[in-house]
Structures are given as structure tokens and as C-alpha cells.
Amino acid sequence: MSAIPACPRCAMEHTYPDGELFVCADCGHEWPQHATENTEPAHVVRDCNGNALADGDSVVVIKDLKVKGSSIPLKQGTLIRNIRLVADDAEHIEGHSDKIRDLVLKTCFLRKA
């Protein structure tokens, strides 16, 4: 008899097989029984709410931020369009607002739009 693994997301052991998937009864996460090697990228960039970000997404600033090299602060609610992820850095993104170009922002101050 094969052992059913614990959920990779919440680490609870209340999982069961359903067709070709394992399902977690606690969080509802589903994953394939015959998973290939690492199916998720090495680092996932997430916003302040835990949503995954990708190149080209739009984000909103959640609090006023002082910007180095500029006298104009980045106000809460400012939309940053067409972001770029920084290679091998899950805490920063690159983008620009309407007034300030070439920003590098921490993801803890952003939410997905």
C-alpha cells in the first residue's frame, strides 16, 4: 500500500486520491500524483496579499512612499502598469508611474490591480 503524502501547501495530512490527483481536505489544494520535478519556478514573486505576480501585470501602491532622487512622493493608490520582475529577487519589481520613471519597488508595498 502506498503512503499518501501530506499537502505541500498547508502540510496537513488529511489528503486523499481523486483520479490522477491528490486533494487536501483542509485547504482544497490539488496536485498530480505523478508530479514531475519542480513544476513551480524557483522563486515566485508575490504581492502584499499573497497573489502571484508576473511580467506585464499592473499593481497598485498601498501606502505613500518616498522616492530616492525625486522630490515627488509615490502616493497611495498609484497604478504601476506593465511591471518587470527582477531576476533571482522575489522581493522587488521594476516599473514606472505616470510621473516617475525607472522605479524599483518592494512587493510588500504593492497589491495586484
PDB file of N, CA and C in Angstrom:
ATOM      1  N   MET A   1       0.834  -1.179   0.000  1.00  0.00           N
ATOM      2  CA  MET A   1       0.000   0.000   0.000  1.00  0.00           C
ATOM      3  C   MET A   1       0.877   1.239   0.000  1.00  0.00           C
ATOM      4  N   SER A   2       0.588   2.170  -0.892  1.00  0.00           N
ATOM      5  CA  SER A   2       1.408   3.368  -0.977  1.00  0.00           C
ATOM      6  C   SER A   2       0.946   4.407   0.034  1.00  0.00           C
ATOM      7  N   ALA A   3       1.881   5.140   0.553  1.00  0.00           N
ATOM      8  CA  ALA A   3       1.565   6.186   1.524  1.00  0.00           C
ATOM      9  C   ALA A   3       1.108   7.443   0.794  1.00  0.00           C
ATOM     10  N   ILE A   4       0.060   8.044   1.294  1.00  0.00           N
ATOM     11  CA  ILE A   4      -0.440   9.292   0.702  1.00  0.00           C
ATOM     12  C   ILE A   4       0.316  10.440   1.355  1.00  0.00           C
ATOM     13  N   PRO A   5       0.946  11.313   0.556  1.00  0.00           N
ATOM     14  CA  PRO A   5       1.770  12.384   1.124  1.00  0.00           C
ATOM     15  C   PRO A   5       0.922  13.482   1.757  1.00  0.00           C
ATOM     16  N   ALA A   6       1.559  14.253   2.632  1.00  0.00           N
ATOM     17  CA  ALA A   6       0.914  15.420   3.228  1.00  0.00           C
ATOM     18  C   ALA A   6       0.792  16.521   2.174  1.00  0.00           C
ATOM     19  N   CYS A   7      -0.099  17.451   2.406  1.00  0.00           N
ATOM     20  CA  CYS A   7      -0.332  18.553   1.463  1.00  0.00           C
ATOM     21  C   CYS A   7       0.919  19.434   1.382  1.00  0.00           C
ATOM     22  N   PRO A   8       1.415  19.747   0.174  1.00  0.00           N
ATOM     23  CA  PRO A   8       2.600  20.599   0.054  1.00  0.00           C
ATOM     24  C   PRO A   8       2.317  22.059   0.397  1.00  0.00           C
ATOM     25  N   ARG A   9       1.061  22.465   0.387  1.00  0.00           N
ATOM     26  CA  ARG A   9       0.727  23.863   0.669  1.00  0.00           C
ATOM     27  C   ARG A   9       0.543  24.106   2.163  1.00  0.00           C
ATOM     28  N   CYS A  10      -0.298  23.292   2.840  1.00  0.00           N
ATOM     29  CA  CYS A  10      -0.597  23.550   4.254  1.00  0.00           C
ATOM     30  C   CYS A  10       0.038  22.526   5.203  1.00  0.00           C
ATOM     31  N   ALA A  11       0.654  21.470   4.672  1.00  0.00           N
ATOM     32  CA  ALA A  11       1.354  20.433   5.418  1.00  0.00           C
ATOM     33  C   ALA A  11       0.435  19.567   6.285  1.00  0.00           C
ATOM     34  N   MET A  12      -0.869  19.641   6.068  1.00  0.00           N
ATOM     35  CA  MET A  12      -1.797  18.785   6.804  1.00  0.00           C
ATOM     36  C   MET A  12      -1.816  17.403   6.146  1.00  0.00           C
ATOM     37  N   GLU A  13      -2.165  16.381   6.915  1.00  0.00           N
ATOM     38  CA  GLU A  13      -2.131  15.012   6.419  1.00  0.00           C
ATOM     39  C   GLU A  13      -3.493  14.483   5.993  1.00  0.00           C
ATOM     40  N   HIS A  14      -4.506  15.326   5.940  1.00  0.00           N
ATOM     41  CA  HIS A  14      -5.847  14.902   5.538  1.00  0.00           C
ATOM     42  C   HIS A  14      -5.982  15.002   4.025  1.00  0.00           C
ATOM     43  N   THR A  15      -5.266  14.147   3.311  1.00  0.00           N
ATOM     44  CA  THR A  15      -5.290  14.144   1.851  1.00  0.00           C
ATOM     45  C   THR A  15      -5.844  12.820   1.353  1.00  0.00           C
ATOM     46  N   TYR A  16      -6.373  12.841   0.144  1.00  0.00           N
ATOM     47  CA  TYR A  16      -6.916  11.626  -0.436  1.00  0.00           C
ATOM     48  C   TYR A  16      -6.723  11.649  -1.947  1.00  0.00           C
ATOM     49  N   PRO A  17      -6.636  10.469  -2.572  1.00  0.00           N
ATOM     50  CA  PRO A  17      -6.505  10.418  -4.030  1.00  0.00           C
ATOM     51  C   PRO A  17      -7.863  10.614  -4.695  1.00  0.00           C
ATOM     52  N   ASP A  18      -7.868  11.324  -5.812  1.00  0.00           N
ATOM     53  CA  ASP A  18      -9.088  11.547  -6.587  1.00  0.00           C
ATOM     54  C   ASP A  18      -8.709  11.481  -8.057  1.00  0.00           C
ATOM     55  N   GLY A  19      -8.883  10.319  -8.662  1.00  0.00           N
ATOM     56  CA  GLY A  19      -8.461  10.138 -10.043  1.00  0.00           C
ATOM     57  C   GLY A  19      -6.951  10.178 -10.123  1.00  0.00           C
ATOM     58  N   GLU A  20      -6.410  11.083 -10.899  1.00  0.00           N
ATOM     59  CA  GLU A  20      -4.958  11.221 -11.030  1.00  0.00           C
ATOM     60  C   GLU A  20      -4.393  12.315 -10.139  1.00  0.00           C
ATOM     61  N   LEU A  21      -5.197  12.843  -9.223  1.00  0.00           N
ATOM     62  CA  LEU A  21      -4.767  13.927  -8.339  1.00  0.00           C
ATOM     63  C   LEU A  21      -4.835  13.504  -6.889  1.00  0.00           C
ATOM     64  N   PHE A  22      -4.025  14.173  -6.056  1.00  0.00           N
ATOM     65  CA  PHE A  22      -4.198  14.136  -4.616  1.00  0.00           C
ATOM     66  C   PHE A  22      -4.944  15.410  -4.254  1.00  0.00           C
ATOM     67  N   VAL A  23      -5.845  15.342  -3.269  1.00  0.00           N
ATOM     68  CA  VAL A  23      -6.629  16.503  -2.847  1.00  0.00           C
ATOM     69  C   VAL A  23      -6.490  16.651  -1.340  1.00  0.00           C
ATOM     70  N   CYS A  24      -6.298  17.884  -0.885  1.00  0.00           N
ATOM     71  CA  CYS A  24      -6.220  18.176   0.543  1.00  0.00           C
ATOM     72  C   CYS A  24      -7.617  18.563   1.022  1.00  0.00           C
ATOM     73  N   ALA A  25      -8.128  17.872   2.025  1.00  0.00           N
ATOM     74  CA  ALA A  25      -9.456  18.161   2.559  1.00  0.00           C
ATOM     75  C   ALA A  25      -9.483  19.455   3.366  1.00  0.00           C
ATOM     76  N   ASP A  26      -8.327  19.891   3.876  1.00  0.00           N
ATOM     77  CA  ASP A  26      -8.285  21.091   4.706  1.00  0.00           C
ATOM     78  C   ASP A  26      -8.265  22.382   3.888  1.00  0.00           C
ATOM     79  N   CYS A  27      -7.366  22.467   2.901  1.00  0.00           N
ATOM     80  CA  CYS A  27      -7.233  23.719   2.143  1.00  0.00           C
ATOM     81  C   CYS A  27      -7.756  23.625   0.710  1.00  0.00           C
ATOM     82  N   GLY A  28      -8.068  22.422   0.241  1.00  0.00           N
ATOM     83  CA  GLY A  28      -8.605  22.262  -1.105  1.00  0.00           C
ATOM     84  C   GLY A  28      -7.556  22.218  -2.202  1.00  0.00           C
ATOM     85  N   HIS A  29      -6.289  22.224  -1.850  1.00  0.00           N
ATOM     86  CA  HIS A  29      -5.206  22.188  -2.843  1.00  0.00           C
ATOM     87  C   HIS A  29      -5.194  20.838  -3.558  1.00  0.00           C
ATOM     88  N   GLU A  30      -4.991  20.866  -4.869  1.00  0.00           N
ATOM     89  CA  GLU A  30      -4.896  19.647  -5.669  1.00  0.00           C
ATOM     90  C   GLU A  30      -3.543  19.620  -6.365  1.00  0.00           C
ATOM     91  N   TRP A  31      -2.933  18.439  -6.426  1.00  0.00           N
ATOM     92  CA  TRP A  31      -1.668  18.291  -7.137  1.00  0.00           C
ATOM     93  C   TRP A  31      -1.617  16.896  -7.743  1.00  0.00           C
ATOM     94  N   PRO A  32      -0.868  16.735  -8.837  1.00  0.00           N
ATOM     95  CA  PRO A  32      -0.830  15.443  -9.528  1.00  0.00           C
ATOM     96  C   PRO A  32      -0.128  14.381  -8.683  1.00  0.00           C
ATOM     97  N   GLN A  33      -0.611  13.136  -8.820  1.00  0.00           N
ATOM     98  CA  GLN A  33       0.012  12.034  -8.081  1.00  0.00           C
ATOM     99  C   GLN A  33       1.406  11.733  -8.615  1.00  0.00           C
ATOM    100  N   HIS A  34       1.577  11.854  -9.899  1.00  0.00           N
ATOM    101  CA  HIS A  34       2.868  11.580 -10.531  1.00  0.00           C
ATOM    102  C   HIS A  34       3.487  12.895 -10.946  1.00  0.00           C
ATOM    103  N   ALA A  35       3.828  13.706  -9.968  1.00  0.00           N
ATOM    104  CA  ALA A  35       4.373  15.033 -10.247  1.00  0.00           C
ATOM    105  C   ALA A  35       5.765  14.909 -10.846  1.00  0.00           C
ATOM    106  N   THR A  36       6.032  15.744 -11.829  1.00  0.00           N
ATOM    107  CA  THR A  36       7.376  15.819 -12.381  1.00  0.00           C
ATOM    108  C   THR A  36       8.234  16.582 -11.394  1.00  0.00           C
ATOM    109  N   GLU A  37       9.497  16.720 -11.701  1.00  0.00           N
ATOM    110  CA  GLU A  37      10.351  17.507 -10.829  1.00  0.00           C
ATOM    111  C   GLU A  37       9.779  18.898 -10.712  1.00  0.00           C
ATOM    112  N   ASN A  38      10.267  19.673  -9.875  1.00  0.00           N
ATOM    113  CA  ASN A  38       9.803  21.018  -9.536  1.00  0.00           C
ATOM    114  C   ASN A  38       8.967  21.682 -10.643  1.00  0.00           C
ATOM    115  N   THR A  39       7.649  21.668 -10.499  1.00  0.00           N
ATOM    116  CA  THR A  39       6.771  22.254 -11.504  1.00  0.00           C
ATOM    117  C   THR A  39       6.607  23.761 -11.304  1.00  0.00           C
ATOM    118  N   GLU A  40       6.972  24.276 -10.150  1.00  0.00           N
ATOM    119  CA  GLU A  40       6.859  25.698  -9.866  1.00  0.00           C
ATOM    120  C   GLU A  40       8.237  26.344 -10.012  1.00  0.00           C
ATOM    121  N   PRO A  41       8.312  27.591 -10.486  1.00  0.00           N
ATOM    122  CA  PRO A  41       9.611  28.235 -10.634  1.00  0.00           C
ATOM    123  C   PRO A  41      10.353  28.337  -9.293  1.00  0.00           C
ATOM    124  N   ALA A  42      11.658  28.564  -9.373  1.00  0.00           N
ATOM    125  CA  ALA A  42      12.488  28.611  -8.173  1.00  0.00           C
ATOM    126  C   ALA A  42      12.028  29.696  -7.208  1.00  0.00           C
ATOM    127  N   HIS A  43      11.640  30.857  -7.708  1.00  0.00           N
ATOM    128  CA  HIS A  43      11.116  31.910  -6.838  1.00  0.00           C
ATOM    129  C   HIS A  43       9.836  32.470  -7.449  1.00  0.00           C
ATOM    130  N   VAL A  44       8.857  32.650  -6.597  1.00  0.00           N
ATOM    131  CA  VAL A  44       7.579  33.203  -7.018  1.00  0.00           C
ATOM    132  C   VAL A  44       7.455  34.576  -6.377  1.00  0.00           C
ATOM    133  N   VAL A  45       7.198  35.593  -7.183  1.00  0.00           N
ATOM    134  CA  VAL A  45       7.049  36.952  -6.681  1.00  0.00           C
ATOM    135  C   VAL A  45       5.589  37.141  -6.286  1.00  0.00           C
ATOM    136  N   ARG A  46       5.362  37.556  -5.045  1.00  0.00           N
ATOM    137  CA  ARG A  46       4.005  37.727  -4.532  1.00  0.00           C
ATOM    138  C   ARG A  46       3.811  39.143  -3.994  1.00  0.00           C
ATOM    139  N   ASP A  47       2.567  39.653  -4.122  1.00  0.00           N
ATOM    140  CA  ASP A  47       2.248  40.981  -3.600  1.00  0.00           C
ATOM    141  C   ASP A  47       1.952  40.889  -2.101  1.00  0.00           C
ATOM    142  N   CYS A  48       1.492  41.983  -1.498  1.00  0.00           N
ATOM    143  CA  CYS A  48       1.250  42.010  -0.055  1.00  0.00           C
ATOM    144  C   CYS A  48       0.121  41.073   0.367  1.00  0.00           C
ATOM    145  N   ASN A  49      -0.776  40.714  -0.542  1.00  0.00           N
ATOM    146  CA  ASN A  49      -1.878  39.807  -0.229  1.00  0.00           C
ATOM    147  C   ASN A  49      -1.569  38.356  -0.576  1.00  0.00           C
ATOM    148  N   GLY A  50      -0.390  38.076  -1.109  1.00  0.00           N
ATOM    149  CA  GLY A  50      -0.008  36.716  -1.442  1.00  0.00           C
ATOM    150  C   GLY A  50      -0.345  36.301  -2.863  1.00  0.00           C
ATOM    151  N   ASN A  51      -0.829  37.222  -3.696  1.00  0.00           N
ATOM    152  CA  ASN A  51      -1.131  36.899  -5.091  1.00  0.00           C
ATOM    153  C   ASN A  51       0.163  36.863  -5.901  1.00  0.00           C
ATOM    154  N   ALA A  52       0.295  35.886  -6.765  1.00  0.00           N
ATOM    155  CA  ALA A  52       1.492  35.758  -7.589  1.00  0.00           C
ATOM    156  C   ALA A  52       1.505  36.853  -8.650  1.00  0.00           C
ATOM    157  N   LEU A  53       2.671  37.457  -8.863  1.00  0.00           N
ATOM    158  CA  LEU A  53       2.848  38.498  -9.875  1.00  0.00           C
ATOM    159  C   LEU A  53       3.651  37.940 -11.038  1.00  0.00           C
ATOM    160  N   ALA A  54       3.394  38.472 -12.241  1.00  0.00           N
ATOM    161  CA  ALA A  54       4.113  38.060 -13.441  1.00  0.00           C
ATOM    162  C   ALA A  54       4.484  39.305 -14.242  1.00  0.00           C
ATOM    163  N   ASP A  55       5.415  39.144 -15.184  1.00  0.00           N
ATOM    164  CA  ASP A  55       5.780  40.252 -16.063  1.00  0.00           C
ATOM    165  C   ASP A  55       4.548  40.763 -16.783  1.00  0.00           C
ATOM    166  N   GLY A  56       4.393  42.088 -16.846  1.00  0.00           N
ATOM    167  CA  GLY A  56       3.284  42.694 -17.562  1.00  0.00           C
ATOM    168  C   GLY A  56       2.062  42.968 -16.708  1.00  0.00           C
ATOM    169  N   ASP A  57       2.043  42.511 -15.448  1.00  0.00           N
ATOM    170  CA  ASP A  57       0.904  42.782 -14.569  1.00  0.00           C
ATOM    171  C   ASP A  57       0.865  44.255 -14.183  1.00  0.00           C
ATOM    172  N   SER A  58      -0.259  44.677 -13.642  1.00  0.00           N
ATOM    173  CA  SER A  58      -0.405  46.014 -13.080  1.00  0.00           C
ATOM    174  C   SER A  58      -0.568  45.873 -11.574  1.00  0.00           C
ATOM    175  N   VAL A  59       0.041  46.796 -10.823  1.00  0.00           N
ATOM    176  CA  VAL A  59      -0.041  46.783  -9.370  1.00  0.00           C
ATOM    177  C   VAL A  59      -0.408  48.172  -8.878  1.00  0.00           C
ATOM    178  N   VAL A  60      -0.902  48.241  -7.629  1.00  0.00           N
ATOM    179  CA  VAL A  60      -1.285  49.493  -7.004  1.00  0.00           C
ATOM    180  C   VAL A  60      -0.465  49.647  -5.728  1.00  0.00           C
ATOM    181  N   VAL A  61       0.027  50.870  -5.470  1.00  0.00           N
ATOM    182  CA  VAL A  61       0.801  51.175  -4.269  1.00  0.00           C
ATOM    183  C   VAL A  61      -0.171  51.272  -3.098  1.00  0.00           C
ATOM    184  N   ILE A  62       0.129  50.608  -1.964  1.00  0.00           N
ATOM    185  CA  ILE A  62      -0.807  50.568  -0.843  1.00  0.00           C
ATOM    186  C   ILE A  62      -0.535  51.638   0.209  1.00  0.00           C
ATOM    187  N   LYS A  63       0.593  52.346   0.138  1.00  0.00           N
ATOM    188  CA  LYS A  63       0.870  53.438   1.072  1.00  0.00           C
ATOM    189  C   LYS A  63       1.793  54.446   0.407  1.00  0.00           C
ATOM    190  N   ASP A  64       1.798  55.680   0.899  1.00  0.00           N
ATOM    191  CA  ASP A  64       2.673  56.714   0.348  1.00  0.00           C
ATOM    192  C   ASP A  64       4.134  56.300   0.547  1.00  0.00           C
ATOM    193  N   LEU A  65       4.937  56.455  -0.504  1.00  0.00           N
ATOM    194  CA  LEU A  65       6.345  56.083  -0.450  1.00  0.00           C
ATOM    195  C   LEU A  65       7.218  57.254  -0.873  1.00  0.00           C
ATOM    196  N   LYS A  66       8.295  57.472  -0.139  1.00  0.00           N
ATOM    197  CA  LYS A  66       9.293  58.451  -0.557  1.00  0.00           C
ATOM    198  C   LYS A  66      10.154  57.797  -1.620  1.00  0.00           C
ATOM    199  N   VAL A  67      10.510  58.557  -2.661  1.00  0.00           N
ATOM    200  CA  VAL A  67      11.298  58.021  -3.757  1.00  0.00           C
ATOM    201  C   VAL A  67      12.670  58.685  -3.729  1.00  0.00           C
ATOM    202  N   LYS A  68      13.723  57.874  -3.646  1.00  0.00           N
ATOM    203  CA  LYS A  68      15.079  58.413  -3.663  1.00  0.00           C
ATOM    204  C   LYS A  68      15.341  59.111  -4.983  1.00  0.00           C
ATOM    205  N   GLY A  69      15.937  60.289  -4.929  1.00  0.00           N
ATOM    206  CA  GLY A  69      16.288  61.015  -6.139  1.00  0.00           C
ATOM    207  C   GLY A  69      15.140  61.811  -6.735  1.00  0.00           C
ATOM    208  N   SER A  70      14.022  61.880  -6.046  1.00  0.00           N
ATOM    209  CA  SER A  70      12.872  62.623  -6.553  1.00  0.00           C
ATOM    210  C   SER A  70      12.218  63.376  -5.405  1.00  0.00           C
ATOM    211  N   SER A  71      11.704  64.558  -5.691  1.00  0.00           N
ATOM    212  CA  SER A  71      11.010  65.325  -4.670  1.00  0.00           C
ATOM    213  C   SER A  71       9.525  64.979  -4.629  1.00  0.00           C
ATOM    214  N   ILE A  72       9.072  64.177  -5.580  1.00  0.00           N
ATOM    215  CA  ILE A  72       7.668  63.785  -5.670  1.00  0.00           C
ATOM    216  C   ILE A  72       7.491  62.432  -4.991  1.00  0.00           C
ATOM    217  N   PRO A  73       6.624  62.342  -3.961  1.00  0.00           N
ATOM    218  CA  PRO A  73       6.368  61.021  -3.359  1.00  0.00           C
ATOM    219  C   PRO A  73       5.442  60.198  -4.247  1.00  0.00           C
ATOM    220  N   LEU A  74       5.492  58.909  -4.074  1.00  0.00           N
ATOM    221  CA  LEU A  74       4.611  57.997  -4.779  1.00  0.00           C
ATOM    222  C   LEU A  74       3.392  57.799  -3.878  1.00  0.00           C
ATOM    223  N   LYS A  75       2.248  58.320  -4.286  1.00  0.00           N
ATOM    224  CA  LYS A  75       1.053  58.343  -3.445  1.00  0.00           C
ATOM    225  C   LYS A  75       0.343  56.993  -3.407  1.00  0.00           C
ATOM    226  N   GLN A  76      -0.373  56.763  -2.320  1.00  0.00           N
ATOM    227  CA  GLN A  76      -1.191  55.572  -2.182  1.00  0.00           C
ATOM    228  C   GLN A  76      -2.221  55.538  -3.302  1.00  0.00           C
ATOM    229  N   GLY A  77      -2.408  54.372  -3.909  1.00  0.00           N
ATOM    230  CA  GLY A  77      -3.367  54.227  -4.997  1.00  0.00           C
ATOM    231  C   GLY A  77      -2.785  54.450  -6.376  1.00  0.00           C
ATOM    232  N   THR A  78      -1.495  54.796  -6.462  1.00  0.00           N
ATOM    233  CA  THR A  78      -0.851  54.992  -7.759  1.00  0.00           C
ATOM    234  C   THR A  78      -0.760  53.659  -8.486  1.00  0.00           C
ATOM    235  N   LEU A  79      -1.143  53.647  -9.753  1.00  0.00           N
ATOM    236  CA  LEU A  79      -1.119  52.438 -10.564  1.00  0.00           C
ATOM    237  C   LEU A  79       0.225  52.327 -11.276  1.00  0.00           C
ATOM    238  N   ILE A  80       0.853  51.187 -11.148  1.00  0.00           N
ATOM    239  CA  ILE A  80       2.101  50.880 -11.846  1.00  0.00           C
ATOM    240  C   ILE A  80       1.748  49.821 -12.884  1.00  0.00           C
ATOM    241  N   ARG A  81       1.835  50.174 -14.167  1.00  0.00           N
ATOM    242  CA  ARG A  81       1.456  49.259 -15.239  1.00  0.00           C
ATOM    243  C   ARG A  81       2.682  48.559 -15.815  1.00  0.00           C
ATOM    244  N   ASN A  82       2.441  47.384 -16.370  1.00  0.00           N
ATOM    245  CA  ASN A  82       3.457  46.647 -17.122  1.00  0.00           C
ATOM    246  C   ASN A  82       4.751  46.467 -16.325  1.00  0.00           C
ATOM    247  N   ILE A  83       4.643  45.809 -15.168  1.00  0.00           N
ATOM    248  CA  ILE A  83       5.810  45.612 -14.315  1.00  0.00           C
ATOM    249  C   ILE A  83       6.751  44.578 -14.913  1.00  0.00           C
ATOM    250  N   ARG A  84       8.001  44.609 -14.469  1.00  0.00           N
ATOM    251  CA  ARG A  84       9.001  43.617 -14.846  1.00  0.00           C
ATOM    252  C   ARG A  84       9.555  43.007 -13.564  1.00  0.00           C
ATOM    253  N   LEU A  85       9.672  41.691 -13.542  1.00  0.00           N
ATOM    254  CA  LEU A  85      10.230  41.018 -12.382  1.00  0.00           C
ATOM    255  C   LEU A  85      11.744  41.100 -12.421  1.00  0.00           C
ATOM    256  N   VAL A  86      12.355  41.243 -11.261  1.00  0.00           N
ATOM    257  CA  VAL A  86      13.810  41.282 -11.145  1.00  0.00           C
ATOM    258  C   VAL A  86      14.298  39.844 -11.039  1.00  0.00           C
ATOM    259  N   ALA A  87      15.266  39.480 -11.866  1.00  0.00           N
ATOM    260  CA  ALA A  87      15.772  38.103 -11.886  1.00  0.00           C
ATOM    261  C   ALA A  87      16.360  37.727 -10.528  1.00  0.00           C
ATOM    262  N   ASP A  88      15.998  36.540 -10.037  1.00  0.00           N
ATOM    263  CA  ASP A  88      16.503  35.981  -8.779  1.00  0.00           C
ATOM    264  C   ASP A  88      16.238  36.870  -7.559  1.00  0.00           C
ATOM    265  N   ASP A  89      15.179  37.686  -7.598  1.00  0.00           N
ATOM    266  CA  ASP A  89      14.827  38.530  -6.461  1.00  0.00           C
ATOM    267  C   ASP A  89      13.309  38.541  -6.328  1.00  0.00           C
ATOM    268  N   ALA A  90      12.799  37.871  -5.316  1.00  0.00           N
ATOM    269  CA  ALA A  90      11.353  37.755  -5.137  1.00  0.00           C
ATOM    270  C   ALA A  90      10.761  38.923  -4.365  1.00  0.00           C
ATOM    271  N   GLU A  91      11.577  39.887  -3.930  1.00  0.00           N
ATOM    272  CA  GLU A  91      11.076  40.990  -3.132  1.00  0.00           C
ATOM    273  C   GLU A  91      10.984  42.309  -3.886  1.00  0.00           C
ATOM    274  N   HIS A  92      11.461  42.378  -5.125  1.00  0.00           N
ATOM    275  CA  HIS A  92      11.468  43.642  -5.865  1.00  0.00           C
ATOM    276  C   HIS A  92      10.897  43.466  -7.266  1.00  0.00           C
ATOM    277  N   ILE A  93      10.284  44.539  -7.773  1.00  0.00           N
ATOM    278  CA  ILE A  93       9.832  44.591  -9.164  1.00  0.00           C
ATOM    279  C   ILE A  93      10.309  45.917  -9.752  1.00  0.00           C
ATOM    280  N   GLU A  94      10.344  45.993 -11.079  1.00  0.00           N
ATOM    281  CA  GLU A  94      10.693  47.235 -11.761  1.00  0.00           C
ATOM    282  C   GLU A  94       9.472  47.728 -12.516  1.00  0.00           C
ATOM    283  N   GLY A  95       9.342  49.039 -12.634  1.00  0.00           N
ATOM    284  CA  GLY A  95       8.230  49.616 -13.364  1.00  0.00           C
ATOM    285  C   GLY A  95       8.339  51.119 -13.369  1.00  0.00           C
ATOM    286  N   HIS A  96       7.293  51.787 -13.833  1.00  0.00           N
ATOM    287  CA  HIS A  96       7.260  53.240 -13.791  1.00  0.00           C
ATOM    288  C   HIS A  96       5.829  53.721 -13.654  1.00  0.00           C
ATOM    289  N   SER A  97       5.689  54.895 -13.027  1.00  0.00           N
ATOM    290  CA  SER A  97       4.371  55.504 -12.881  1.00  0.00           C
ATOM    291  C   SER A  97       4.258  56.597 -13.944  1.00  0.00           C
ATOM    292  N   ASP A  98       3.154  57.331 -13.915  1.00  0.00           N
ATOM    293  CA  ASP A  98       2.967  58.402 -14.888  1.00  0.00           C
ATOM    294  C   ASP A  98       3.977  59.540 -14.699  1.00  0.00           C
ATOM    295  N   LYS A  99       4.389  59.807 -13.449  1.00  0.00           N
ATOM    296  CA  LYS A  99       5.277  60.932 -13.162  1.00  0.00           C
ATOM    297  C   LYS A  99       6.729  60.534 -12.941  1.00  0.00           C
ATOM    298  N   ILE A 100       6.965  59.314 -12.482  1.00  0.00           N
ATOM    299  CA  ILE A 100       8.324  58.887 -12.135  1.00  0.00           C
ATOM    300  C   ILE A 100       8.683  57.657 -12.956  1.00  0.00           C
ATOM    301  N   ARG A 101       9.812  57.703 -13.658  1.00  0.00           N
ATOM    302  CA  ARG A 101      10.268  56.599 -14.495  1.00  0.00           C
ATOM    303  C   ARG A 101      11.274  55.748 -13.730  1.00  0.00           C
ATOM    304  N   ASP A 102      11.479  54.518 -14.176  1.00  0.00           N
ATOM    305  CA  ASP A 102      12.519  53.617 -13.672  1.00  0.00           C
ATOM    306  C   ASP A 102      12.487  53.452 -12.155  1.00  0.00           C
ATOM    307  N   LEU A 103      11.408  52.890 -11.668  1.00  0.00           N
ATOM    308  CA  LEU A 103      11.261  52.614 -10.235  1.00  0.00           C
ATOM    309  C   LEU A 103      11.606  51.159  -9.944  1.00  0.00           C
ATOM    310  N   VAL A 104      12.201  50.926  -8.801  1.00  0.00           N
ATOM    311  CA  VAL A 104      12.371  49.584  -8.254  1.00  0.00           C
ATOM    312  C   VAL A 104      11.618  49.609  -6.931  1.00  0.00           C
ATOM    313  N   LEU A 105      10.578  48.775  -6.840  1.00  0.00           N
ATOM    314  CA  LEU A 105       9.688  48.804  -5.681  1.00  0.00           C
ATOM    315  C   LEU A 105       9.681  47.469  -4.956  1.00  0.00           C
ATOM    316  N   LYS A 106       9.527  47.528  -3.636  1.00  0.00           N
ATOM    317  CA  LYS A 106       9.394  46.309  -2.839  1.00  0.00           C
ATOM    318  C   LYS A 106       7.965  45.802  -2.963  1.00  0.00           C
ATOM    319  N   THR A 107       7.812  44.502  -3.088  1.00  0.00           N
ATOM    320  CA  THR A 107       6.493  43.919  -3.299  1.00  0.00           C
ATOM    321  C   THR A 107       5.607  44.006  -2.058  1.00  0.00           C
ATOM    322  N   CYS A 108       6.170  44.232  -0.883  1.00  0.00           N
ATOM    323  CA  CYS A 108       5.359  44.332   0.329  1.00  0.00           C
ATOM    324  C   CYS A 108       4.527  45.611   0.360  1.00  0.00           C
ATOM    325  N   PHE A 109       4.806  46.571  -0.530  1.00  0.00           N
ATOM    326  CA  PHE A 109       4.041  47.817  -0.613  1.00  0.00           C
ATOM    327  C   PHE A 109       3.114  47.848  -1.823  1.00  0.00           C
ATOM    328  N   LEU A 110       2.901  46.697  -2.455  1.00  0.00           N
ATOM    329  CA  LEU A 110       2.111  46.638  -3.676  1.00  0.00           C
ATOM    330  C   LEU A 110       1.024  45.575  -3.567  1.00  0.00           C
ATOM    331  N   ARG A 111      -0.080  45.807  -4.278  1.00  0.00           N
ATOM    332  CA  ARG A 111      -1.109  44.777  -4.434  1.00  0.00           C
ATOM    333  C   ARG A 111      -1.475  44.696  -5.898  1.00  0.00           C
ATOM    334  N   LYS A 112      -1.861  43.507  -6.330  1.00  0.00           N
ATOM    335  CA  LYS A 112      -2.197  43.286  -7.733  1.00  0.00           C
ATOM    336  C   LYS A 112      -3.462  44.049  -8.077  1.00  0.00           C
ATOM    337  N   ALA A 113      -3.454  44.720  -9.219  1.00  0.00           N
ATOM    338  CA  ALA A 113      -4.629  45.502  -9.651  1.00  0.00           C
ATOM    339  C   ALA A 113      -5.617  44.640 -10.391  1.00  0.00           C
TER     340      ALA A 113
END
